């Protein structure tokens, strides 16, 4: 009983931390979100709202995130297909 009282707050903090990480990863590596941000970035550049150097820097960042997201998606797909076999 005492063990549960001592570890319960720690377990709660761990679970909250895991949930925050999960939500952050979803925001960072969500393919539709990244695609939308790339479109917005392109529009801002074409409307001359941002300079070319800022556009290139942010585009590189978003494309890197897109590649990571795509890789994660493929890994999840492969894992699911292995489980079915």
C-alpha atoms as a PDB file:
ATOM      1  CA  UNK A   1       0.000   0.000   0.000  1.00  0.00           C
ATOM      2  CA  UNK A   2       2.748   2.452   0.931  1.00  0.00           C
ATOM      3  CA  UNK A   3       4.555   1.589  -2.288  1.00  0.00           C
ATOM      4  CA  UNK A   4       1.492   2.651  -4.316  1.00  0.00           C
ATOM      5  CA  UNK A   5       1.230   5.942  -2.418  1.00  0.00           C
ATOM      6  CA  UNK A   6       4.865   6.736  -3.121  1.00  0.00           C
ATOM      7  CA  UNK A   7       4.965   5.677  -6.772  1.00  0.00           C
ATOM      8  CA  UNK A   8       1.525   6.947  -7.858  1.00  0.00           C
ATOM      9  CA  UNK A   9       2.613  10.599  -8.283  1.00  0.00           C
ATOM     10  CA  UNK A  10       5.699   9.470 -10.210  1.00  0.00           C
ATOM     11  CA  UNK A  11       3.654   7.225 -12.466  1.00  0.00           C
ATOM     12  CA  UNK A  12       1.237  10.085 -13.131  1.00  0.00           C
ATOM     13  CA  UNK A  13       4.093  12.415 -14.086  1.00  0.00           C
ATOM     14  CA  UNK A  14       5.503   9.755 -16.405  1.00  0.00           C
ATOM     15  CA  UNK A  15       2.126   9.200 -18.075  1.00  0.00           C
ATOM     16  CA  UNK A  16       1.587  12.946 -18.524  1.00  0.00           C
ATOM     17  CA  UNK A  17       5.081  13.271 -19.990  1.00  0.00           C
ATOM     18  CA  UNK A  18       4.438  10.420 -22.417  1.00  0.00           C
ATOM     19  CA  UNK A  19       1.155  12.027 -23.501  1.00  0.00           C
ATOM     20  CA  UNK A  20       2.845  15.410 -24.036  1.00  0.00           C
ATOM     21  CA  UNK A  21       5.569  13.747 -26.118  1.00  0.00           C
ATOM     22  CA  UNK A  22       2.947  11.869 -28.128  1.00  0.00           C
ATOM     23  CA  UNK A  23       1.033  15.083 -28.873  1.00  0.00           C
ATOM     24  CA  UNK A  24       4.220  16.975 -29.736  1.00  0.00           C
ATOM     25  CA  UNK A  25       5.309  14.203 -32.089  1.00  0.00           C
ATOM     26  CA  UNK A  26       1.867  14.213 -33.676  1.00  0.00           C
ATOM     27  CA  UNK A  27       2.140  17.962 -34.297  1.00  0.00           C
ATOM     28  CA  UNK A  28       5.731  17.784 -35.523  1.00  0.00           C
ATOM     29  CA  UNK A  29       5.370  14.716 -37.707  1.00  0.00           C
ATOM     30  CA  UNK A  30       1.755  14.790 -38.880  1.00  0.00           C
ATOM     31  CA  UNK A  31       1.903  14.571 -42.688  1.00  0.00           C
ATOM     32  CA  UNK A  32      -1.219  16.677 -43.445  1.00  0.00           C
ATOM     33  CA  UNK A  33      -0.039  19.368 -41.018  1.00  0.00           C
ATOM     34  CA  UNK A  34       3.382  19.499 -42.632  1.00  0.00           C
ATOM     35  CA  UNK A  35       1.857  19.632 -46.114  1.00  0.00           C
ATOM     36  CA  UNK A  36      -0.405  22.499 -45.061  1.00  0.00           C
ATOM     37  CA  UNK A  37       2.541  24.400 -43.585  1.00  0.00           C
ATOM     38  CA  UNK A  38       4.506  23.913 -46.804  1.00  0.00           C
ATOM     39  CA  UNK A  39       1.604  25.337 -48.809  1.00  0.00           C
ATOM     40  CA  UNK A  40       1.284  28.317 -46.461  1.00  0.00           C
ATOM     41  CA  UNK A  41       5.018  28.908 -46.636  1.00  0.00           C
ATOM     42  CA  UNK A  42       4.963  28.816 -50.438  1.00  0.00           C
ATOM     43  CA  UNK A  43       2.088  31.298 -50.521  1.00  0.00           C
ATOM     44  CA  UNK A  44       3.870  33.652 -48.124  1.00  0.00           C
ATOM     45  CA  UNK A  45       6.954  33.547 -50.322  1.00  0.00           C
ATOM     46  CA  UNK A  46       5.018  34.115 -53.537  1.00  0.00           C
ATOM     47  CA  UNK A  47       3.188  37.057 -51.968  1.00  0.00           C
ATOM     48  CA  UNK A  48       6.613  38.415 -50.914  1.00  0.00           C
ATOM     49  CA  UNK A  49       5.676  38.303 -47.248  1.00  0.00           C
ATOM     50  CA  UNK A  50       8.953  36.550 -46.412  1.00  0.00           C
ATOM     51  CA  UNK A  51      12.397  36.797 -48.023  1.00  0.00           C
ATOM     52  CA  UNK A  52      13.916  33.926 -49.990  1.00  0.00           C
ATOM     53  CA  UNK A  53      16.473  32.989 -47.314  1.00  0.00           C
ATOM     54  CA  UNK A  54      13.737  32.586 -44.684  1.00  0.00           C
ATOM     55  CA  UNK A  55      11.651  30.589 -47.155  1.00  0.00           C
ATOM     56  CA  UNK A  56      14.529  28.224 -47.959  1.00  0.00           C
ATOM     57  CA  UNK A  57      15.392  27.723 -44.280  1.00  0.00           C
ATOM     58  CA  UNK A  58      11.809  26.929 -43.240  1.00  0.00           C
ATOM     59  CA  UNK A  59      11.218  24.809 -46.336  1.00  0.00           C
ATOM     60  CA  UNK A  60      14.294  22.696 -45.526  1.00  0.00           C
ATOM     61  CA  UNK A  61      13.055  22.249 -41.958  1.00  0.00           C
ATOM     62  CA  UNK A  62       9.572  21.210 -43.078  1.00  0.00           C
ATOM     63  CA  UNK A  63      10.910  18.835 -45.732  1.00  0.00           C
ATOM     64  CA  UNK A  64      13.156  17.180 -43.147  1.00  0.00           C
ATOM     65  CA  UNK A  65      10.158  16.740 -40.847  1.00  0.00           C
ATOM     66  CA  UNK A  66       8.172  15.358 -43.805  1.00  0.00           C
ATOM     67  CA  UNK A  67      10.867  12.775 -44.544  1.00  0.00           C
ATOM     68  CA  UNK A  68      10.960  11.692 -40.904  1.00  0.00           C
ATOM     69  CA  UNK A  69       7.163  11.467 -40.787  1.00  0.00           C
ATOM     70  CA  UNK A  70       7.072   9.417 -43.976  1.00  0.00           C
ATOM     71  CA  UNK A  71       9.758   7.076 -42.629  1.00  0.00           C
ATOM     72  CA  UNK A  72       7.807   6.646 -39.388  1.00  0.00           C
ATOM     73  CA  UNK A  73       4.647   5.933 -41.352  1.00  0.00           C
ATOM     74  CA  UNK A  74       6.431   3.253 -43.376  1.00  0.00           C
ATOM     75  CA  UNK A  75       7.897   1.681 -40.211  1.00  0.00           C
ATOM     76  CA  UNK A  76       4.443   1.558 -38.621  1.00  0.00           C
ATOM     77  CA  UNK A  77       3.001   0.009 -41.772  1.00  0.00           C
ATOM     78  CA  UNK A  78       5.731  -2.628 -41.864  1.00  0.00           C
ATOM     79  CA  UNK A  79       5.166  -3.402 -38.187  1.00  0.00           C
ATOM     80  CA  UNK A  80       1.427  -3.827 -38.751  1.00  0.00           C
ATOM     81  CA  UNK A  81       1.933  -6.140 -41.706  1.00  0.00           C
ATOM     82  CA  UNK A  82       4.400  -8.269 -39.722  1.00  0.00           C
ATOM     83  CA  UNK A  83       1.875  -8.649 -36.905  1.00  0.00           C
ATOM     84  CA  UNK A  84      -0.761  -9.941 -39.308  1.00  0.00           C
ATOM     85  CA  UNK A  85       1.518 -12.666 -40.639  1.00  0.00           C
END
